[in-house]
Amino acid sequence: LILLGGLNSFGSNKITDTPLAEISPAVLPADYREGRFPSRMTEAGLRHPVLGALFNEVKQFPAVLSANIARSLAPGAEVLMEAEISGQRTPLLVTARFGGGRVVAFMSDSLWRWRMGVLTGTPGKSFYDVFWGQLIEWVIPKADEKIGSAKLEVFTERSSYLMGERPEVRAIFDPGSA
């Protein structure tokens, strides 16, 4: 699961009053600030599959224009990137395991800026493209990482919703031999 921050998500009670807050790697709500905040990888980020390979390509990451400042992190959460706000480092990209899966919180709503101006050595690929590819690759469990043979499929009638809309969520559980 990938959670994206912002004033109307992490900065409000719209998510904190839902089960998403319980699985978030950052404790929500998180104060929202606007500005120009430099971003950098942490030591953990340098070795992590989501970001580690990008360090060879991108030496300086674009600044973010907003940040949600987490009061604290969930137990076992790992900070891969930080933003600098008023001389203080604050988590920007946070990961955690939940059950048999992974949850990522990007503590900003200005990730789109990474699409502009930062290119990788691969023609036609921006840093943004590579980042999302590696993030999704890491979040989706591989066959050898799955626990047992049980299978849970969760789906909704639409692929996207506006904040405040209540989707009807349906699930199919196949216990297999678990």
C-alpha atoms as a PDB file:
ATOM      1  CA  LEU A   1       0.000   0.000   0.000  1.00  0.00           C
ATOM      2  CA  ILE A   2       1.328   3.455  -0.890  1.00  0.00           C
ATOM      3  CA  LEU A   3      -0.019   6.461   1.018  1.00  0.00           C
ATOM      4  CA  LEU A   4       0.573  10.020  -0.219  1.00  0.00           C
ATOM      5  CA  GLY A   5       0.571  12.986   2.145  1.00  0.00           C
ATOM      6  CA  GLY A   6      -0.941  16.432   1.881  1.00  0.00           C
ATOM      7  CA  LEU A   7      -3.144  18.896   3.703  1.00  0.00           C
ATOM      8  CA  ASN A   8      -6.353  16.959   2.960  1.00  0.00           C
ATOM      9  CA  SER A   9      -4.938  13.515   3.714  1.00  0.00           C
ATOM     10  CA  PHE A  10      -2.226  13.253   6.388  1.00  0.00           C
ATOM     11  CA  GLY A  11      -2.896  16.792   7.613  1.00  0.00           C
ATOM     12  CA  SER A  12      -6.547  16.153   8.451  1.00  0.00           C
ATOM     13  CA  ASN A  13      -8.679  13.608  10.257  1.00  0.00           C
ATOM     14  CA  LYS A  14     -10.021  12.209   6.970  1.00  0.00           C
ATOM     15  CA  ILE A  15      -7.474   9.387   7.084  1.00  0.00           C
ATOM     16  CA  THR A  16      -6.818   9.337  10.816  1.00  0.00           C
ATOM     17  CA  ASP A  17     -10.398   8.262  11.440  1.00  0.00           C
ATOM     18  CA  THR A  18      -9.992   5.229   9.159  1.00  0.00           C
ATOM     19  CA  PRO A  19      -8.146   1.895   9.377  1.00  0.00           C
ATOM     20  CA  LEU A  20      -5.457   3.378   7.090  1.00  0.00           C
ATOM     21  CA  ALA A  21      -4.102   5.329  10.060  1.00  0.00           C
ATOM     22  CA  GLU A  22      -3.549   2.072  11.927  1.00  0.00           C
ATOM     23  CA  ILE A  23      -1.252   0.670   9.239  1.00  0.00           C
ATOM     24  CA  SER A  24       0.528   3.907   8.318  1.00  0.00           C
ATOM     25  CA  PRO A  25       4.288   3.907   9.037  1.00  0.00           C
ATOM     26  CA  ALA A  26       3.910   7.494  10.337  1.00  0.00           C
ATOM     27  CA  VAL A  27       1.568   8.446  13.164  1.00  0.00           C
ATOM     28  CA  LEU A  28      -1.284  10.536  11.753  1.00  0.00           C
ATOM     29  CA  PRO A  29      -2.434  13.289  11.615  1.00  0.00           C
ATOM     30  CA  ALA A  30       0.822  15.040  10.708  1.00  0.00           C
ATOM     31  CA  ASP A  31       1.121  18.828  10.578  1.00  0.00           C
ATOM     32  CA  TYR A  32       1.218  20.226   7.037  1.00  0.00           C
ATOM     33  CA  ARG A  33       3.772  22.843   5.955  1.00  0.00           C
ATOM     34  CA  GLU A  34       4.393  24.560   2.629  1.00  0.00           C
ATOM     35  CA  GLY A  35       7.761  25.893   1.495  1.00  0.00           C
ATOM     36  CA  ARG A  36      10.776  24.670  -0.414  1.00  0.00           C
ATOM     37  CA  PHE A  37      12.283  21.762   1.499  1.00  0.00           C
ATOM     38  CA  PRO A  38      15.468  19.987   0.340  1.00  0.00           C
ATOM     39  CA  SER A  39      15.192  16.195   0.321  1.00  0.00           C
ATOM     40  CA  ARG A  40      17.918  13.604   0.817  1.00  0.00           C
ATOM     41  CA  MET A  41      18.322   9.890   1.286  1.00  0.00           C
ATOM     42  CA  THR A  42      19.091   8.445   4.706  1.00  0.00           C
ATOM     43  CA  GLU A  43      21.733   5.762   5.278  1.00  0.00           C
ATOM     44  CA  ALA A  44      18.904   3.193   5.227  1.00  0.00           C
ATOM     45  CA  GLY A  45      17.677   4.647   1.908  1.00  0.00           C
ATOM     46  CA  LEU A  46      21.117   4.228   0.331  1.00  0.00           C
ATOM     47  CA  ARG A  47      20.879   0.458   0.898  1.00  0.00           C
ATOM     48  CA  HIS A  48      17.167   0.033   0.221  1.00  0.00           C
ATOM     49  CA  PRO A  49      15.817  -1.500  -3.050  1.00  0.00           C
ATOM     50  CA  VAL A  50      13.486   1.474  -3.599  1.00  0.00           C
ATOM     51  CA  LEU A  51      16.218   4.118  -3.633  1.00  0.00           C
ATOM     52  CA  GLY A  52      19.664   2.521  -3.459  1.00  0.00           C
ATOM     53  CA  ALA A  53      20.099   2.036  -7.196  1.00  0.00           C
ATOM     54  CA  LEU A  54      19.056   5.638  -7.864  1.00  0.00           C
ATOM     55  CA  PHE A  55      21.969   7.050  -5.875  1.00  0.00           C
ATOM     56  CA  ASN A  56      24.313   6.252  -8.783  1.00  0.00           C
ATOM     57  CA  GLU A  57      22.085   8.302 -11.114  1.00  0.00           C
ATOM     58  CA  VAL A  58      20.790  11.155  -8.975  1.00  0.00           C
ATOM     59  CA  LYS A  59      23.112  12.959  -6.579  1.00  0.00           C
ATOM     60  CA  GLN A  60      20.661  15.687  -5.561  1.00  0.00           C
ATOM     61  CA  PHE A  61      16.942  15.105  -5.282  1.00  0.00           C
ATOM     62  CA  PRO A  62      14.464  17.862  -6.112  1.00  0.00           C
ATOM     63  CA  ALA A  63      13.061  19.842  -3.197  1.00  0.00           C
ATOM     64  CA  VAL A  64       9.483  19.190  -2.140  1.00  0.00           C
ATOM     65  CA  LEU A  65       7.066  22.109  -1.833  1.00  0.00           C
ATOM     66  CA  SER A  66       5.095  20.664   1.055  1.00  0.00           C
ATOM     67  CA  ALA A  67       5.633  18.245   3.898  1.00  0.00           C
ATOM     68  CA  ASN A  68       3.636  16.532   6.583  1.00  0.00           C
ATOM     69  CA  ILE A  69       5.625  16.510   9.804  1.00  0.00           C
ATOM     70  CA  ALA A  70       5.061  13.237  11.619  1.00  0.00           C
ATOM     71  CA  ARG A  71       4.924  13.442  15.411  1.00  0.00           C
ATOM     72  CA  SER A  72       6.316   9.922  15.587  1.00  0.00           C
ATOM     73  CA  LEU A  73       6.704   6.739  13.585  1.00  0.00           C
ATOM     74  CA  ALA A  74       5.087   3.337  13.919  1.00  0.00           C
ATOM     75  CA  PRO A  75       7.168   0.607  15.579  1.00  0.00           C
ATOM     76  CA  GLY A  76       9.508  -0.948  13.019  1.00  0.00           C
ATOM     77  CA  ALA A  77       9.151   1.927  10.524  1.00  0.00           C
ATOM     78  CA  GLU A  78      12.182   2.775   8.418  1.00  0.00           C
ATOM     79  CA  VAL A  79      12.949   6.267   7.067  1.00  0.00           C
ATOM     80  CA  LEU A  80      14.389   6.162   3.533  1.00  0.00           C
ATOM     81  CA  MET A  81      14.313   9.902   2.797  1.00  0.00           C
ATOM     82  CA  GLU A  82      14.164  13.061   4.862  1.00  0.00           C
ATOM     83  CA  ALA A  83      13.176  16.652   4.181  1.00  0.00           C
ATOM     84  CA  GLU A  84      14.870  19.575   5.853  1.00  0.00           C
ATOM     85  CA  ILE A  85      12.453  22.041   7.437  1.00  0.00           C
ATOM     86  CA  SER A  86      13.779  25.006   9.416  1.00  0.00           C
ATOM     87  CA  GLY A  87      17.097  23.236   9.935  1.00  0.00           C
ATOM     88  CA  GLN A  88      15.426  20.062  11.233  1.00  0.00           C
ATOM     89  CA  ARG A  89      15.264  16.747   9.424  1.00  0.00           C
ATOM     90  CA  THR A  90      11.832  15.174   9.186  1.00  0.00           C
ATOM     91  CA  PRO A  91      10.810  11.835   7.599  1.00  0.00           C
ATOM     92  CA  LEU A  92       9.742  12.163   3.958  1.00  0.00           C
ATOM     93  CA  LEU A  93       9.609   8.552   2.716  1.00  0.00           C
ATOM     94  CA  VAL A  94       8.776   5.990   5.401  1.00  0.00           C
ATOM     95  CA  THR A  95       8.231   2.242   5.024  1.00  0.00           C
ATOM     96  CA  ALA A  96       6.962  -0.493   7.308  1.00  0.00           C
ATOM     97  CA  ARG A  97       5.755  -4.056   7.136  1.00  0.00           C
ATOM     98  CA  PHE A  98       2.166  -4.819   7.984  1.00  0.00           C
ATOM     99  CA  GLY A  99       1.132  -8.434   8.172  1.00  0.00           C
ATOM    100  CA  GLY A 100       2.570 -10.105   5.086  1.00  0.00           C
ATOM    101  CA  GLY A 101       2.723  -6.850   3.117  1.00  0.00           C
ATOM    102  CA  ARG A 102       4.483  -3.505   2.938  1.00  0.00           C
ATOM    103  CA  VAL A 103       3.222   0.024   3.494  1.00  0.00           C
ATOM    104  CA  VAL A 104       4.896   3.209   2.273  1.00  0.00           C
ATOM    105  CA  ALA A 105       4.057   6.779   3.299  1.00  0.00           C
ATOM    106  CA  PHE A 106       5.365   9.687   1.233  1.00  0.00           C
ATOM    107  CA  MET A 107       4.933  12.659   3.574  1.00  0.00           C
ATOM    108  CA  SER A 108       4.243  15.265   0.866  1.00  0.00           C
ATOM    109  CA  ASP A 109       1.785  16.031  -1.890  1.00  0.00           C
ATOM    110  CA  SER A 110       4.416  17.525  -4.227  1.00  0.00           C
ATOM    111  CA  LEU A 111       6.019  14.307  -5.465  1.00  0.00           C
ATOM    112  CA  TRP A 112       4.910  15.312  -8.977  1.00  0.00           C
ATOM    113  CA  ARG A 113       7.803  17.836  -9.018  1.00  0.00           C
ATOM    114  CA  TRP A 114      10.231  14.945  -9.308  1.00  0.00           C
ATOM    115  CA  ARG A 115       8.896  14.376 -12.823  1.00  0.00           C
ATOM    116  CA  MET A 116      10.425  17.665 -13.948  1.00  0.00           C
ATOM    117  CA  GLY A 117      14.080  18.209 -14.749  1.00  0.00           C
ATOM    118  CA  VAL A 118      15.810  15.198 -13.205  1.00  0.00           C
ATOM    119  CA  LEU A 119      16.762  12.644 -15.824  1.00  0.00           C
ATOM    120  CA  THR A 120      18.427   9.294 -15.408  1.00  0.00           C
ATOM    121  CA  GLY A 121      21.023   7.772 -17.701  1.00  0.00           C
ATOM    122  CA  THR A 122      18.254   5.811 -19.423  1.00  0.00           C
ATOM    123  CA  PRO A 123      16.882   7.707 -22.453  1.00  0.00           C
ATOM    124  CA  GLY A 124      13.251   8.737 -22.000  1.00  0.00           C
ATOM    125  CA  LYS A 125      13.191   7.883 -18.283  1.00  0.00           C
ATOM    126  CA  SER A 126      12.994  10.521 -15.593  1.00  0.00           C
ATOM    127  CA  PHE A 127      14.031   9.961 -12.014  1.00  0.00           C
ATOM    128  CA  TYR A 128      10.303  10.043 -11.211  1.00  0.00           C
ATOM    129  CA  ASP A 129       9.639   7.113 -13.587  1.00  0.00           C
ATOM    130  CA  VAL A 130      12.465   5.024 -12.127  1.00  0.00           C
ATOM    131  CA  PHE A 131      11.448   5.874  -8.546  1.00  0.00           C
ATOM    132  CA  TRP A 132       7.840   4.747  -9.097  1.00  0.00           C
ATOM    133  CA  GLY A 133       8.963   1.600 -10.928  1.00  0.00           C
ATOM    134  CA  GLN A 134      11.301   0.574  -8.114  1.00  0.00           C
ATOM    135  CA  LEU A 135       8.783   1.514  -5.416  1.00  0.00           C
ATOM    136  CA  ILE A 136       5.992  -0.537  -6.964  1.00  0.00           C
ATOM    137  CA  GLU A 137       8.363  -3.434  -7.637  1.00  0.00           C
ATOM    138  CA  TRP A 138       9.328  -3.468  -3.952  1.00  0.00           C
ATOM    139  CA  VAL A 139       5.802  -3.036  -2.554  1.00  0.00           C
ATOM    140  CA  ILE A 140       4.279  -5.901  -4.564  1.00  0.00           C
ATOM    141  CA  PRO A 141       5.198  -9.192  -2.878  1.00  0.00           C
ATOM    142  CA  LYS A 142       7.053 -11.765  -4.934  1.00  0.00           C
ATOM    143  CA  ALA A 143       5.794 -15.342  -5.086  1.00  0.00           C
ATOM    144  CA  ASP A 144       8.572 -16.592  -2.784  1.00  0.00           C
ATOM    145  CA  GLU A 145       7.720 -13.912  -0.177  1.00  0.00           C
ATOM    146  CA  LYS A 146       4.083 -14.890   0.170  1.00  0.00           C
ATOM    147  CA  ILE A 147       3.132 -16.653   3.370  1.00  0.00           C
ATOM    148  CA  GLY A 148       1.363 -19.975   2.821  1.00  0.00           C
ATOM    149  CA  SER A 149      -0.937 -20.344  -0.143  1.00  0.00           C
ATOM    150  CA  ALA A 150      -3.865 -18.279   1.112  1.00  0.00           C
ATOM    151  CA  LYS A 151      -5.027 -15.584  -1.278  1.00  0.00           C
ATOM    152  CA  LEU A 152      -6.947 -12.376  -0.614  1.00  0.00           C
ATOM    153  CA  GLU A 153      -8.193 -10.164  -3.455  1.00  0.00           C
ATOM    154  CA  VAL A 154      -9.599  -6.735  -2.604  1.00  0.00           C
ATOM    155  CA  PHE A 155     -11.345  -4.582  -5.197  1.00  0.00           C
ATOM    156  CA  THR A 156     -13.735  -1.664  -5.669  1.00  0.00           C
ATOM    157  CA  GLU A 157     -16.085  -0.671  -8.467  1.00  0.00           C
ATOM    158  CA  ARG A 158     -13.816   2.249  -9.522  1.00  0.00           C
ATOM    159  CA  SER A 159     -10.061   2.733  -9.606  1.00  0.00           C
ATOM    160  CA  SER A 160     -10.029   6.181  -7.954  1.00  0.00           C
ATOM    161  CA  TYR A 161     -12.055   8.206  -5.472  1.00  0.00           C
ATOM    162  CA  LEU A 162     -12.183  11.751  -4.192  1.00  0.00           C
ATOM    163  CA  MET A 163     -11.377  12.452  -0.550  1.00  0.00           C
ATOM    164  CA  GLY A 164     -14.518  11.916   1.509  1.00  0.00           C
ATOM    165  CA  GLU A 165     -16.162   9.474  -0.924  1.00  0.00           C
ATOM    166  CA  ARG A 166     -16.877   6.103   0.619  1.00  0.00           C
ATOM    167  CA  PRO A 167     -16.065   3.234  -1.724  1.00  0.00           C
ATOM    168  CA  GLU A 168     -17.720  -0.124  -1.472  1.00  0.00           C
ATOM    169  CA  VAL A 169     -14.855  -2.529  -0.899  1.00  0.00           C
ATOM    170  CA  ARG A 170     -15.285  -6.191  -1.743  1.00  0.00           C
ATOM    171  CA  ALA A 171     -12.943  -9.046  -1.056  1.00  0.00           C
ATOM    172  CA  ILE A 172     -12.483 -12.658  -2.052  1.00  0.00           C
ATOM    173  CA  PHE A 173     -10.562 -14.876   0.349  1.00  0.00           C
ATOM    174  CA  ASP A 174      -9.247 -18.247  -0.764  1.00  0.00           C
ATOM    175  CA  PRO A 175      -7.729 -20.033   2.251  1.00  0.00           C
ATOM    176  CA  GLY A 176      -5.975 -22.543  -0.024  1.00  0.00           C
ATOM    177  CA  SER A 177      -4.176 -25.044   2.177  1.00  0.00           C
ATOM    178  CA  ALA A 178      -3.449 -22.479   4.910  1.00  0.00           C
END
